[in-house]
N, C-alpha and C. Protein backbone atom coordinates (compact mmCIF):
# COMPACT_ATOMS: atom_id res chain seq x y z
N MET A 1 11.02 -19.13 -8.97
CA MET A 1 11.00 -17.69 -9.23
C MET A 1 9.64 -17.14 -8.83
N ASN A 2 9.64 -16.05 -8.07
CA ASN A 2 8.41 -15.44 -7.59
C ASN A 2 7.92 -14.41 -8.61
N MET A 3 6.75 -14.65 -9.16
CA MET A 3 6.19 -13.73 -10.15
C MET A 3 5.02 -12.98 -9.53
N ASP A 4 5.28 -11.74 -9.14
CA ASP A 4 4.24 -10.90 -8.56
C ASP A 4 3.26 -10.45 -9.63
N GLN A 5 2.03 -10.24 -9.22
CA GLN A 5 1.05 -9.61 -10.08
C GLN A 5 1.18 -8.10 -9.87
N PHE A 6 1.02 -7.32 -10.93
CA PHE A 6 1.14 -5.87 -10.84
C PHE A 6 -0.20 -5.21 -11.10
N PHE A 7 -0.44 -4.08 -10.41
CA PHE A 7 -1.71 -3.38 -10.48
C PHE A 7 -1.47 -1.92 -10.83
N THR A 8 -2.46 -1.31 -11.46
CA THR A 8 -2.41 0.13 -11.73
C THR A 8 -2.79 0.88 -10.46
N ILE A 9 -2.57 2.18 -10.46
CA ILE A 9 -2.97 3.01 -9.33
C ILE A 9 -4.49 2.90 -9.12
N ALA A 10 -5.25 2.93 -10.18
CA ALA A 10 -6.72 2.84 -10.08
C ALA A 10 -7.14 1.50 -9.47
N GLU A 11 -6.47 0.42 -9.87
CA GLU A 11 -6.81 -0.90 -9.32
C GLU A 11 -6.49 -0.98 -7.82
N VAL A 12 -5.35 -0.43 -7.42
CA VAL A 12 -4.99 -0.43 -6.00
C VAL A 12 -5.96 0.43 -5.21
N ALA A 13 -6.31 1.58 -5.76
CA ALA A 13 -7.26 2.47 -5.08
C ALA A 13 -8.60 1.76 -4.88
N ASP A 14 -9.06 1.07 -5.89
CA ASP A 14 -10.32 0.34 -5.79
C ASP A 14 -10.21 -0.79 -4.76
N ARG A 15 -9.12 -1.49 -4.79
CA ARG A 15 -8.90 -2.63 -3.89
C ARG A 15 -8.82 -2.18 -2.43
N LEU A 16 -8.15 -1.04 -2.17
CA LEU A 16 -7.97 -0.57 -0.80
C LEU A 16 -9.05 0.43 -0.37
N LYS A 17 -9.93 0.79 -1.29
CA LYS A 17 -11.03 1.73 -1.00
C LYS A 17 -10.53 3.13 -0.65
N PHE A 18 -9.55 3.61 -1.43
CA PHE A 18 -9.04 4.98 -1.32
C PHE A 18 -9.08 5.62 -2.69
N LYS A 19 -8.94 6.93 -2.72
CA LYS A 19 -8.88 7.66 -3.99
C LYS A 19 -7.52 7.44 -4.64
N PRO A 20 -7.48 7.44 -5.98
CA PRO A 20 -6.18 7.32 -6.67
C PRO A 20 -5.18 8.39 -6.23
N SER A 21 -5.65 9.59 -5.92
CA SER A 21 -4.74 10.64 -5.48
C SER A 21 -4.04 10.27 -4.16
N THR A 22 -4.74 9.55 -3.29
CA THR A 22 -4.14 9.09 -2.04
C THR A 22 -3.05 8.06 -2.32
N ILE A 23 -3.31 7.15 -3.25
CA ILE A 23 -2.30 6.14 -3.63
C ILE A 23 -1.07 6.84 -4.19
N ARG A 24 -1.28 7.86 -5.05
CA ARG A 24 -0.15 8.61 -5.61
C ARG A 24 0.65 9.31 -4.51
N THR A 25 -0.02 9.85 -3.51
CA THR A 25 0.66 10.51 -2.39
C THR A 25 1.51 9.49 -1.63
N TRP A 26 0.97 8.30 -1.37
CA TRP A 26 1.73 7.27 -0.67
C TRP A 26 2.96 6.85 -1.48
N ILE A 27 2.81 6.79 -2.81
CA ILE A 27 3.95 6.43 -3.66
C ILE A 27 5.01 7.53 -3.60
N ARG A 28 4.59 8.78 -3.75
CA ARG A 28 5.55 9.91 -3.71
C ARG A 28 6.28 9.98 -2.38
N SER A 29 5.58 9.68 -1.29
CA SER A 29 6.19 9.77 0.04
C SER A 29 7.07 8.56 0.37
N GLY A 30 6.98 7.52 -0.44
CA GLY A 30 7.78 6.32 -0.21
C GLY A 30 7.10 5.28 0.67
N ARG A 31 5.89 5.56 1.10
CA ARG A 31 5.16 4.59 1.94
C ARG A 31 4.74 3.35 1.16
N LEU A 32 4.49 3.52 -0.15
CA LEU A 32 4.06 2.42 -1.01
C LEU A 32 5.02 2.35 -2.19
N ALA A 33 5.70 1.22 -2.33
CA ALA A 33 6.67 1.05 -3.42
C ALA A 33 5.94 0.81 -4.74
N ALA A 34 6.45 1.44 -5.79
CA ALA A 34 5.85 1.30 -7.13
C ALA A 34 6.96 1.36 -8.17
N ARG A 35 6.64 0.91 -9.37
CA ARG A 35 7.58 0.95 -10.49
C ARG A 35 6.99 1.77 -11.61
N ARG A 36 7.81 2.62 -12.17
CA ARG A 36 7.38 3.42 -13.32
C ARG A 36 7.63 2.60 -14.59
N ILE A 37 6.62 2.53 -15.43
CA ILE A 37 6.71 1.84 -16.71
C ILE A 37 6.55 2.91 -17.79
N GLY A 38 7.62 3.23 -18.48
CA GLY A 38 7.55 4.30 -19.47
C GLY A 38 7.50 5.66 -18.78
N ARG A 39 6.95 6.64 -19.47
CA ARG A 39 6.94 8.00 -18.94
C ARG A 39 5.81 8.26 -17.96
N SER A 40 4.67 7.62 -18.17
CA SER A 40 3.51 8.01 -17.36
C SER A 40 2.81 6.86 -16.64
N SER A 41 3.18 5.62 -16.92
CA SER A 41 2.50 4.48 -16.29
C SER A 41 3.23 4.05 -15.03
N VAL A 42 2.45 3.71 -14.02
CA VAL A 42 2.99 3.24 -12.74
C VAL A 42 2.31 1.93 -12.41
N ARG A 43 3.08 0.98 -11.88
CA ARG A 43 2.52 -0.30 -11.46
C ARG A 43 2.99 -0.60 -10.04
N ILE A 44 2.10 -1.21 -9.27
CA ILE A 44 2.38 -1.56 -7.89
C ILE A 44 2.26 -3.08 -7.77
N SER A 45 3.29 -3.70 -7.22
CA SER A 45 3.28 -5.16 -7.10
C SER A 45 2.42 -5.60 -5.92
N GLU A 46 1.96 -6.83 -6.02
CA GLU A 46 1.15 -7.41 -4.95
C GLU A 46 1.95 -7.47 -3.65
N SER A 47 3.24 -7.78 -3.75
CA SER A 47 4.07 -7.85 -2.54
C SER A 47 4.26 -6.46 -1.93
N SER A 48 4.30 -5.40 -2.74
CA SER A 48 4.39 -4.04 -2.21
C SER A 48 3.13 -3.66 -1.45
N ILE A 49 1.99 -4.08 -1.97
CA ILE A 49 0.72 -3.81 -1.29
C ILE A 49 0.69 -4.56 0.05
N ALA A 50 1.13 -5.81 0.05
CA ALA A 50 1.14 -6.60 1.28
C ALA A 50 2.06 -5.97 2.33
N ARG A 51 3.26 -5.51 1.91
CA ARG A 51 4.18 -4.85 2.85
C ARG A 51 3.57 -3.58 3.40
N PHE A 52 2.92 -2.81 2.53
CA PHE A 52 2.28 -1.57 2.96
C PHE A 52 1.20 -1.85 4.00
N LEU A 53 0.38 -2.86 3.75
CA LEU A 53 -0.72 -3.18 4.68
C LEU A 53 -0.18 -3.69 6.01
N ARG A 54 0.89 -4.48 5.99
CA ARG A 54 1.49 -4.95 7.25
C ARG A 54 2.03 -3.77 8.05
N ALA A 55 2.68 -2.84 7.36
CA ALA A 55 3.25 -1.67 8.04
C ALA A 55 2.16 -0.75 8.58
N ALA A 56 1.02 -0.70 7.88
CA ALA A 56 -0.07 0.18 8.29
C ALA A 56 -0.94 -0.42 9.39
N SER A 57 -0.87 -1.73 9.58
CA SER A 57 -1.69 -2.40 10.60
C SER A 57 -1.08 -2.17 11.97
N PRO A 58 -1.91 -1.88 12.96
CA PRO A 58 -1.36 -1.69 14.30
C PRO A 58 -0.87 -3.02 14.86
N SER A 59 0.24 -3.00 15.54
CA SER A 59 0.71 -4.20 16.20
C SER A 59 0.02 -4.30 17.56
N VAL A 60 0.19 -5.42 18.20
CA VAL A 60 -0.43 -5.64 19.50
C VAL A 60 0.05 -4.57 20.49
N GLU A 61 1.32 -4.19 20.40
CA GLU A 61 1.88 -3.19 21.31
C GLU A 61 1.23 -1.83 21.12
N ASP A 62 0.72 -1.54 19.92
CA ASP A 62 0.11 -0.24 19.63
C ASP A 62 -1.34 -0.13 20.06
N LEU A 63 -1.96 -1.26 20.37
CA LEU A 63 -3.37 -1.24 20.75
C LEU A 63 -3.52 -0.69 22.16
N PRO A 64 -4.60 0.08 22.40
CA PRO A 64 -4.78 0.64 23.75
C PRO A 64 -5.06 -0.46 24.76
N CYS A 65 -4.54 -0.27 25.95
CA CYS A 65 -4.77 -1.22 27.04
C CYS A 65 -6.12 -0.91 27.69
N PRO A 66 -6.85 -1.92 28.08
CA PRO A 66 -8.10 -1.64 28.81
C PRO A 66 -7.78 -1.04 30.17
N PRO A 67 -8.67 -0.22 30.69
CA PRO A 67 -8.41 0.37 32.01
C PRO A 67 -8.40 -0.71 33.08
N PRO A 68 -7.60 -0.51 34.12
CA PRO A 68 -7.58 -1.52 35.20
C PRO A 68 -8.92 -1.57 35.92
N ARG A 69 -9.24 -2.72 36.47
CA ARG A 69 -10.52 -2.87 37.19
C ARG A 69 -10.33 -2.67 38.66
């Protein structure tokens, strides 16, 4: 059984070096998956963060090509 670690919005913001408001925007837009705990608490799983970072990373195809010589 895979037991993910869960983080608060503040912890994710600190870990990714963004403001908590940015993390909330990503959650609202669906870019970052999160779970609501009760009425006001939100938790983000480690696997959700990993998926978000993979999706946000440029692939080799997205990198600019060097100019021809």
